[in-house]
C-alpha atoms as a PDB file:
ATOM      1  CA  MET A   1     -29.252  -5.836  -0.383  1.00  0.00           C
ATOM      2  CA  ASN A   2     -31.929  -3.636   0.124  1.00  0.00           C
ATOM      3  CA  GLU A   3     -31.761  -0.663   2.690  1.00  0.00           C
ATOM      4  CA  GLU A   4     -33.309  -1.650   5.256  1.00  0.00           C
ATOM      5  CA  MET A   5     -31.175  -4.746   5.600  1.00  0.00           C
ATOM      6  CA  MET A   6     -27.896  -2.422   4.825  1.00  0.00           C
ATOM      7  CA  VAL A   7     -29.678  -0.409   8.024  1.00  0.00           C
ATOM      8  CA  GLN A   8     -29.497  -3.412   9.584  1.00  0.00           C
ATOM      9  CA  VAL A   9     -26.225  -4.250   8.938  1.00  0.00           C
ATOM     10  CA  VAL A  10     -23.941  -1.004  10.052  1.00  0.00           C
ATOM     11  CA  GLU A  11     -26.818   0.019  12.774  1.00  0.00           C
ATOM     12  CA  LYS A  12     -27.480  -2.950  14.816  1.00  0.00           C
ATOM     13  CA  ALA A  13     -25.829  -6.207  13.721  1.00  0.00           C
ATOM     14  CA  CYS A  14     -21.742  -5.100  13.881  1.00  0.00           C
ATOM     15  CA  PRO A  15     -20.583  -4.230  16.630  1.00  0.00           C
ATOM     16  CA  PHE A  16     -17.898  -2.188  15.604  1.00  0.00           C
ATOM     17  CA  ALA A  17     -20.088  -0.073  13.928  1.00  0.00           C
ATOM     18  CA  LEU A  18     -22.782   0.323  16.387  1.00  0.00           C
ATOM     19  CA  ARG A  19     -19.653   1.159  18.957  1.00  0.00           C
ATOM     20  CA  ALA A  20     -18.197   3.915  16.626  1.00  0.00           C
ATOM     21  CA  ARG A  21     -21.949   5.310  16.309  1.00  0.00           C
ATOM     22  CA  MET A  22     -21.704   4.933  12.489  1.00  0.00           C
ATOM     23  CA  ARG A  23     -25.180   5.236  10.403  1.00  0.00           C
ATOM     24  CA  LEU A  24     -26.503   4.835   6.988  1.00  0.00           C
ATOM     25  CA  ARG A  25     -26.673   8.373   5.750  1.00  0.00           C
ATOM     26  CA  GLU A  26     -27.765   7.843   2.269  1.00  0.00           C
ATOM     27  CA  LEU A  27     -28.234   5.329  -0.429  1.00  0.00           C
ATOM     28  CA  ASP A  28     -28.356   6.985  -3.681  1.00  0.00           C
ATOM     29  CA  GLU A  29     -29.890   4.077  -6.183  1.00  0.00           C
ATOM     30  CA  GLY A  30     -29.535   6.313  -9.219  1.00  0.00           C
ATOM     31  CA  HIS A  31     -25.755   6.815  -8.789  1.00  0.00           C
ATOM     32  CA  GLY A  32     -24.204   3.467  -6.858  1.00  0.00           C
ATOM     33  CA  ARG A  33     -23.239   5.667  -3.882  1.00  0.00           C
ATOM     34  CA  VAL A  34     -23.350   4.534  -0.311  1.00  0.00           C
ATOM     35  CA  THR A  35     -22.946   7.793   2.797  1.00  0.00           C
ATOM     36  CA  LEU A  36     -21.984   6.463   6.120  1.00  0.00           C
ATOM     37  CA  ILE A  37     -21.213   9.054   8.306  1.00  0.00           C
ATOM     38  CA  MET A  38     -19.508   8.377  12.103  1.00  0.00           C
ATOM     39  CA  GLU A  39     -21.518  10.356  14.933  1.00  0.00           C
ATOM     40  CA  ASP A  40     -19.208  12.557  17.249  1.00  0.00           C
ATOM     41  CA  ASN A  41     -18.145  10.161  19.912  1.00  0.00           C
ATOM     42  CA  PRO A  42     -15.807  10.596  22.524  1.00  0.00           C
ATOM     43  CA  ASP A  43     -15.237   6.543  22.270  1.00  0.00           C
ATOM     44  CA  ASN A  44     -13.669   7.230  18.930  1.00  0.00           C
ATOM     45  CA  LEU A  45     -11.285  10.084  20.217  1.00  0.00           C
ATOM     46  CA  ASN A  46      -7.368   9.681  20.887  1.00  0.00           C
ATOM     47  CA  ALA A  47      -5.062  10.826  23.669  1.00  0.00           C
ATOM     48  CA  PHE A  48      -5.187  14.296  21.611  1.00  0.00           C
ATOM     49  CA  GLY A  49      -8.844  14.493  21.438  1.00  0.00           C
ATOM     50  CA  LEU A  50      -9.111  13.723  17.183  1.00  0.00           C
ATOM     51  CA  VAL A  51     -10.412  11.154  16.210  1.00  0.00           C
ATOM     52  CA  HIS A  52      -8.735   8.057  16.446  1.00  0.00           C
ATOM     53  CA  ALA A  53      -7.277   6.402  13.008  1.00  0.00           C
ATOM     54  CA  GLY A  54      -8.798   3.100  13.503  1.00  0.00           C
ATOM     55  CA  ALA A  55     -11.889   4.597  13.604  1.00  0.00           C
ATOM     56  CA  ILE A  56     -11.226   6.589  10.659  1.00  0.00           C
ATOM     57  CA  CYS A  57     -10.072   3.028   8.722  1.00  0.00           C
ATOM     58  CA  GLY A  58     -13.435   1.112   9.775  1.00  0.00           C
ATOM     59  CA  LEU A  59     -15.232   4.215   8.469  1.00  0.00           C
ATOM     60  CA  ALA A  60     -13.981   3.857   4.949  1.00  0.00           C
ATOM     61  CA  GLU A  61     -13.493  -0.009   5.139  1.00  0.00           C
ATOM     62  CA  THR A  62     -16.971  -0.436   5.801  1.00  0.00           C
ATOM     63  CA  ALA A  63     -19.188   2.540   3.842  1.00  0.00           C
ATOM     64  CA  GLY A  64     -16.509   0.631   0.727  1.00  0.00           C
ATOM     65  CA  GLY A  65     -17.676  -2.986   1.800  1.00  0.00           C
ATOM     66  CA  MET A  66     -21.516  -1.669   1.940  1.00  0.00           C
ATOM     67  CA  ALA A  67     -21.401   0.081  -1.546  1.00  0.00           C
ATOM     68  CA  ILE A  68     -20.309  -3.679  -2.401  1.00  0.00           C
ATOM     69  CA  MET A  69     -22.516  -5.039  -0.713  1.00  0.00           C
ATOM     70  CA  LYS A  70     -26.078  -3.500  -1.886  1.00  0.00           C
ATOM     71  CA  TYR A  71     -25.405  -5.312  -5.131  1.00  0.00           C
ATOM     72  CA  VAL A  72     -24.945  -8.832  -3.449  1.00  0.00           C
ATOM     73  CA  ASP A  73     -27.348 -11.071  -1.000  1.00  0.00           C
ATOM     74  CA  PRO A  74     -24.534 -11.428   1.723  1.00  0.00           C
ATOM     75  CA  ARG A  75     -26.320 -15.440   2.492  1.00  0.00           C
ATOM     76  CA  GLU A  76     -24.475 -16.121  -0.856  1.00  0.00           C
ATOM     77  CA  ILE A  77     -21.724 -13.713  -1.553  1.00  0.00           C
ATOM     78  CA  LEU A  78     -19.477 -12.741   1.352  1.00  0.00           C
ATOM     79  CA  VAL A  79     -17.487  -9.097   0.514  1.00  0.00           C
ATOM     80  CA  LEU A  80     -14.027  -8.745   3.000  1.00  0.00           C
ATOM     81  CA  ASN A  81     -11.331  -6.366   3.003  1.00  0.00           C
ATOM     82  CA  THR A  82      -8.133  -7.704   1.478  1.00  0.00           C
ATOM     83  CA  ILE A  83      -6.257  -4.549   1.186  1.00  0.00           C
ATOM     84  CA  PHE A  84      -6.185  -1.127   2.719  1.00  0.00           C
ATOM     85  CA  ASN A  85      -4.031   1.665   2.472  1.00  0.00           C
ATOM     86  CA  ILE A  86      -4.601   5.512   3.805  1.00  0.00           C
ATOM     87  CA  ARG A  87      -3.270   9.001   4.285  1.00  0.00           C
ATOM     88  CA  TYR A  88      -4.332  11.047   7.019  1.00  0.00           C
ATOM     89  CA  VAL A  89      -4.439  14.460   5.619  1.00  0.00           C
ATOM     90  CA  HIS A  90      -5.868  16.967   8.234  1.00  0.00           C
ATOM     91  CA  PRO A  91      -7.171  16.299  12.006  1.00  0.00           C
ATOM     92  CA  PRO A  92      -9.949  14.989  12.254  1.00  0.00           C
ATOM     93  CA  ARG A  93     -12.719  16.068  15.139  1.00  0.00           C
ATOM     94  CA  GLY A  94     -16.514  16.051  15.437  1.00  0.00           C
ATOM     95  CA  GLU A  95     -18.801  14.071  12.592  1.00  0.00           C
ATOM     96  CA  LEU A  96     -17.128  11.943   9.817  1.00  0.00           C
ATOM     97  CA  ARG A  97     -18.761  10.807   6.805  1.00  0.00           C
ATOM     98  CA  CYS A  98     -17.250   8.499   3.501  1.00  0.00           C
ATOM     99  CA  ALA A  99     -19.076   7.971   0.497  1.00  0.00           C
ATOM    100  CA  ALA A 100     -18.424   5.019  -1.827  1.00  0.00           C
ATOM    101  CA  GLN A 101     -19.731   4.323  -4.949  1.00  0.00           C
ATOM    102  CA  VAL A 102     -20.227   0.917  -7.431  1.00  0.00           C
ATOM    103  CA  VAL A 103     -22.178   1.721 -10.497  1.00  0.00           C
ATOM    104  CA  ASP A 104     -24.409  -0.340 -11.951  1.00  0.00           C
ATOM    105  CA  GLU A 105     -21.767  -1.568 -14.665  1.00  0.00           C
ATOM    106  CA  GLU A 106     -19.263  -2.186 -12.393  1.00  0.00           C
ATOM    107  CA  ALA A 107     -21.300  -4.205  -9.898  1.00  0.00           C
ATOM    108  CA  GLN A 108     -22.083  -6.363 -13.282  1.00  0.00           C
ATOM    109  CA  ALA A 109     -18.812  -6.947 -14.072  1.00  0.00           C
ATOM    110  CA  LEU A 110     -17.472  -7.829 -10.757  1.00  0.00           C
ATOM    111  CA  LEU A 111     -20.596 -10.295 -10.458  1.00  0.00           C
ATOM    112  CA  GLU A 112     -19.899 -11.859 -13.450  1.00  0.00           C
ATOM    113  CA  GLU A 113     -16.227 -12.592 -12.202  1.00  0.00           C
ATOM    114  CA  PHE A 114     -17.274 -14.010  -9.357  1.00  0.00           C
ATOM    115  CA  ARG A 115     -19.614 -16.362 -11.566  1.00  0.00           C
ATOM    116  CA  LYS A 116     -16.912 -17.380 -13.367  1.00  0.00           C
ATOM    117  CA  ASN A 117     -14.073 -17.540 -11.313  1.00  0.00           C
ATOM    118  CA  GLY A 118     -15.897 -18.006  -7.808  1.00  0.00           C
ATOM    119  CA  ARG A 119     -14.574 -14.742  -6.466  1.00  0.00           C
ATOM    120  CA  ALA A 120     -14.013 -11.156  -7.910  1.00  0.00           C
ATOM    121  CA  ASP A 121     -11.646  -7.862  -6.297  1.00  0.00           C
ATOM    122  CA  LYS A 122     -12.761  -4.918  -6.911  1.00  0.00           C
ATOM    123  CA  ALA A 123     -10.476  -1.570  -5.980  1.00  0.00           C
ATOM    124  CA  MET A 124     -11.714   1.392  -4.904  1.00  0.00           C
ATOM    125  CA  ASP A 125     -10.761   4.792  -3.988  1.00  0.00           C
ATOM    126  CA  LEU A 126     -12.459   6.161  -0.575  1.00  0.00           C
ATOM    127  CA  LYS A 127     -12.274   9.667   1.079  1.00  0.00           C
ATOM    128  CA  VAL A 128     -12.933  10.604   4.374  1.00  0.00           C
ATOM    129  CA  LEU A 129     -14.537  14.239   5.350  1.00  0.00           C
ATOM    130  CA  ASP A 130     -15.203  16.242   8.339  1.00  0.00           C
ATOM    131  CA  SER A 131     -18.826  18.142   9.216  1.00  0.00           C
ATOM    132  CA  SER A 132     -17.323  21.429   6.896  1.00  0.00           C
ATOM    133  CA  ALA A 133     -15.964  19.223   3.569  1.00  0.00           C
ATOM    134  CA  VAL A 134     -12.551  19.282   4.584  1.00  0.00           C
ATOM    135  CA  LEU A 135     -10.689  15.956   3.527  1.00  0.00           C
ATOM    136  CA  VAL A 136      -9.588  14.404   6.510  1.00  0.00           C
ATOM    137  CA  ALA A 137      -8.074  11.003   4.633  1.00  0.00           C
ATOM    138  CA  GLN A 138      -7.666   9.362   1.196  1.00  0.00           C
ATOM    139  CA  ALA A 139      -7.568   5.799   1.277  1.00  0.00           C
ATOM    140  CA  GLN A 140      -7.706   2.563  -1.325  1.00  0.00           C
ATOM    141  CA  ALA A 141      -9.016  -0.245  -0.586  1.00  0.00           C
ATOM    142  CA  THR A 142      -9.526  -3.823  -2.579  1.00  0.00           C
ATOM    143  CA  TYR A 143     -12.180  -5.922  -1.737  1.00  0.00           C
ATOM    144  CA  ARG A 144     -12.769  -9.516  -2.657  1.00  0.00           C
ATOM    145  CA  LEU A 145     -16.091 -11.276  -2.953  1.00  0.00           C
ATOM    146  CA  ILE A 146     -16.278 -14.966  -2.196  1.00  0.00           C
ATOM    147  CA  PRO A 147     -18.675 -17.469  -1.939  1.00  0.00           C
ATOM    148  CA  THR A 148     -20.384 -17.016   2.122  1.00  0.00           C
ATOM    149  CA  PRO A 149     -19.138 -20.116   4.008  1.00  0.00           C
ATOM    150  CA  GLU A 150     -21.579 -21.947   5.543  1.00  0.00           C
ATOM    151  CA  GLU A 151     -20.927 -20.842   9.355  1.00  0.00           C
ATOM    152  CA  TYR A 152     -21.712 -17.553   8.947  1.00  0.00           C
ATOM    153  CA  LYS A 153     -24.882 -17.966   6.735  1.00  0.00           C
ATOM    154  CA  GLN A 154     -26.797 -17.557  10.418  1.00  0.00           C
ATOM    155  CA  TYR A 155     -25.264 -14.043  10.360  1.00  0.00           C
ATOM    156  CA  PHE A 156     -27.993 -13.598   7.520  1.00  0.00           C
ATOM    157  CA  PRO A 157     -31.077 -15.366   8.063  1.00  0.00           C
ATOM    158  CA  ALA A 158     -33.352 -15.538   5.183  1.00  0.00           C
ATOM    159  CA  PRO A 159     -36.024 -12.549   4.892  1.00  0.00           C
END
């Protein structure tokens, strides 16, 4: 998936990411890193004025999925989160960011497993930082690649 399509998915096509004001901040092809930010948004706050835990989960989960999706055609391969574990370590305020990395060798092994078995799993460690680079949360997620079901292909029209 190219950068333009990734921006389309995160910033325009996903109602949750749109409402949370997620943005693709960086796509580092050389290192396989995708960085998403979630803007400082009052709609993401809990009753104590902190960024809601659910919004933080959404940011981390989306960043990890996008790091894998950059290697696939979503009309052919769907990336789903199957396991997600998160630990909050610091009160979250303001703009948050999460970088996720999948290097070419990992992606090629993952795609080979998918071709062989019709599915593949990828575990990832994710960190959410605030604008001062303070660690807010650490997560572990497992994503599954499956063939895209026909009913989902309408969301990713051919270019």
